Amino acid sequence: MAGWRADAGGVRGGGARRGRGGAGATSPLVGVVAEATTLRTALACLVAFPVLAWLLARTLREPV
């Protein structure tokens, strides 16, 4: 694939930018999970993150 390279930390996109929302926090976590388990488990995490974010957002109070 064009734009992809393998480095010491695994495989990651060469065109990735930092500072784009929560991607900077979740990408290393998904990489660690993928290396420790299977790709299927890592992709399941990607499905779970929005659900967890929604559940966390439900705990916020209305502003006054």
C-alpha atoms as a PDB file:
ATOM      1  CA  MET A   1       0.000   0.000   0.000  1.00  0.00           C
ATOM      2  CA  ALA A   2       1.259   3.425  -0.808  1.00  0.00           C
ATOM      3  CA  GLY A   3       1.914   5.584   2.242  1.00  0.00           C
ATOM      4  CA  TRP A   4       2.438   2.684   4.668  1.00  0.00           C
ATOM      5  CA  ARG A   5       5.725   1.704   6.234  1.00  0.00           C
ATOM      6  CA  ALA A   6       6.932  -0.730   8.866  1.00  0.00           C
ATOM      7  CA  ASP A   7       8.985   0.642  11.726  1.00  0.00           C
ATOM      8  CA  ALA A   8      10.190  -0.611  15.109  1.00  0.00           C
ATOM      9  CA  GLY A   9       6.797   0.093  16.672  1.00  0.00           C
ATOM     10  CA  GLY A  10       4.851  -1.967  14.144  1.00  0.00           C
ATOM     11  CA  VAL A  11       3.006  -0.819  11.043  1.00  0.00           C
ATOM     12  CA  ARG A  12       1.540   2.649  10.884  1.00  0.00           C
ATOM     13  CA  GLY A  13       0.419   5.149   8.304  1.00  0.00           C
ATOM     14  CA  GLY A  14       3.096   7.465   6.982  1.00  0.00           C
ATOM     15  CA  GLY A  15       0.643  10.323   6.485  1.00  0.00           C
ATOM     16  CA  ALA A  16      -0.759  10.348  10.017  1.00  0.00           C
ATOM     17  CA  ARG A  17      -0.944  13.703  11.748  1.00  0.00           C
ATOM     18  CA  ARG A  18      -0.805  14.397  15.455  1.00  0.00           C
ATOM     19  CA  GLY A  19      -3.347  16.397  17.388  1.00  0.00           C
ATOM     20  CA  ARG A  20      -6.518  15.073  15.782  1.00  0.00           C
ATOM     21  CA  GLY A  21      -8.928  14.517  18.632  1.00  0.00           C
ATOM     22  CA  GLY A  22      -8.657  11.272  20.562  1.00  0.00           C
ATOM     23  CA  ALA A  23      -6.797   9.384  17.840  1.00  0.00           C
ATOM     24  CA  GLY A  24      -3.486  10.240  19.488  1.00  0.00           C
ATOM     25  CA  ALA A  25      -4.583   8.519  22.687  1.00  0.00           C
ATOM     26  CA  THR A  26      -6.256   5.460  21.200  1.00  0.00           C
ATOM     27  CA  SER A  27      -3.849   4.580  18.381  1.00  0.00           C
ATOM     28  CA  PRO A  28      -1.007   3.395  20.644  1.00  0.00           C
ATOM     29  CA  LEU A  29      -3.500   1.461  22.766  1.00  0.00           C
ATOM     30  CA  VAL A  30      -4.946  -0.328  19.733  1.00  0.00           C
ATOM     31  CA  GLY A  31      -1.394  -1.071  18.527  1.00  0.00           C
ATOM     32  CA  VAL A  32      -0.456  -2.664  21.840  1.00  0.00           C
ATOM     33  CA  VAL A  33      -3.647  -4.732  21.834  1.00  0.00           C
ATOM     34  CA  ALA A  34      -3.048  -5.832  18.222  1.00  0.00           C
ATOM     35  CA  GLU A  35       0.504  -6.951  18.961  1.00  0.00           C
ATOM     36  CA  ALA A  36      -0.485  -8.762  22.164  1.00  0.00           C
ATOM     37  CA  THR A  37      -3.575 -10.495  20.744  1.00  0.00           C
ATOM     38  CA  THR A  38      -5.131 -10.629  17.280  1.00  0.00           C
ATOM     39  CA  LEU A  39      -6.187  -8.052  14.742  1.00  0.00           C
ATOM     40  CA  ARG A  40      -9.803  -9.068  15.324  1.00  0.00           C
ATOM     41  CA  THR A  41      -9.491  -8.114  19.011  1.00  0.00           C
ATOM     42  CA  ALA A  42      -7.880  -4.791  18.115  1.00  0.00           C
ATOM     43  CA  LEU A  43     -10.688  -3.979  15.699  1.00  0.00           C
ATOM     44  CA  ALA A  44     -13.232  -4.899  18.368  1.00  0.00           C
ATOM     45  CA  CYS A  45     -11.621  -2.214  20.531  1.00  0.00           C
ATOM     46  CA  LEU A  46     -12.291   0.305  17.778  1.00  0.00           C
ATOM     47  CA  VAL A  47     -15.967  -0.614  17.970  1.00  0.00           C
ATOM     48  CA  ALA A  48     -15.984  -0.400  21.768  1.00  0.00           C
ATOM     49  CA  PHE A  49     -14.328   3.053  22.044  1.00  0.00           C
ATOM     50  CA  PRO A  50     -17.308   5.072  20.707  1.00  0.00           C
ATOM     51  CA  VAL A  51     -19.676   3.081  22.944  1.00  0.00           C
ATOM     52  CA  LEU A  52     -17.506   3.805  25.985  1.00  0.00           C
ATOM     53  CA  ALA A  53     -17.297   7.477  25.003  1.00  0.00           C
ATOM     54  CA  TRP A  54     -21.079   7.647  24.718  1.00  0.00           C
ATOM     55  CA  LEU A  55     -21.512   6.017  28.127  1.00  0.00           C
ATOM     56  CA  LEU A  56     -19.015   8.443  29.637  1.00  0.00           C
ATOM     57  CA  ALA A  57     -20.779  11.402  28.013  1.00  0.00           C
ATOM     58  CA  ARG A  58     -24.069  10.276  29.556  1.00  0.00           C
ATOM     59  CA  THR A  59     -22.580  10.897  33.018  1.00  0.00           C
ATOM     60  CA  LEU A  60     -21.977  14.586  32.301  1.00  0.00           C
ATOM     61  CA  ARG A  61     -24.300  17.104  33.924  1.00  0.00           C
ATOM     62  CA  GLU A  62     -26.206  19.778  32.058  1.00  0.00           C
ATOM     63  CA  PRO A  63     -24.480  23.162  32.187  1.00  0.00           C
ATOM     64  CA  VAL A  64     -26.150  25.759  34.429  1.00  0.00           C
END
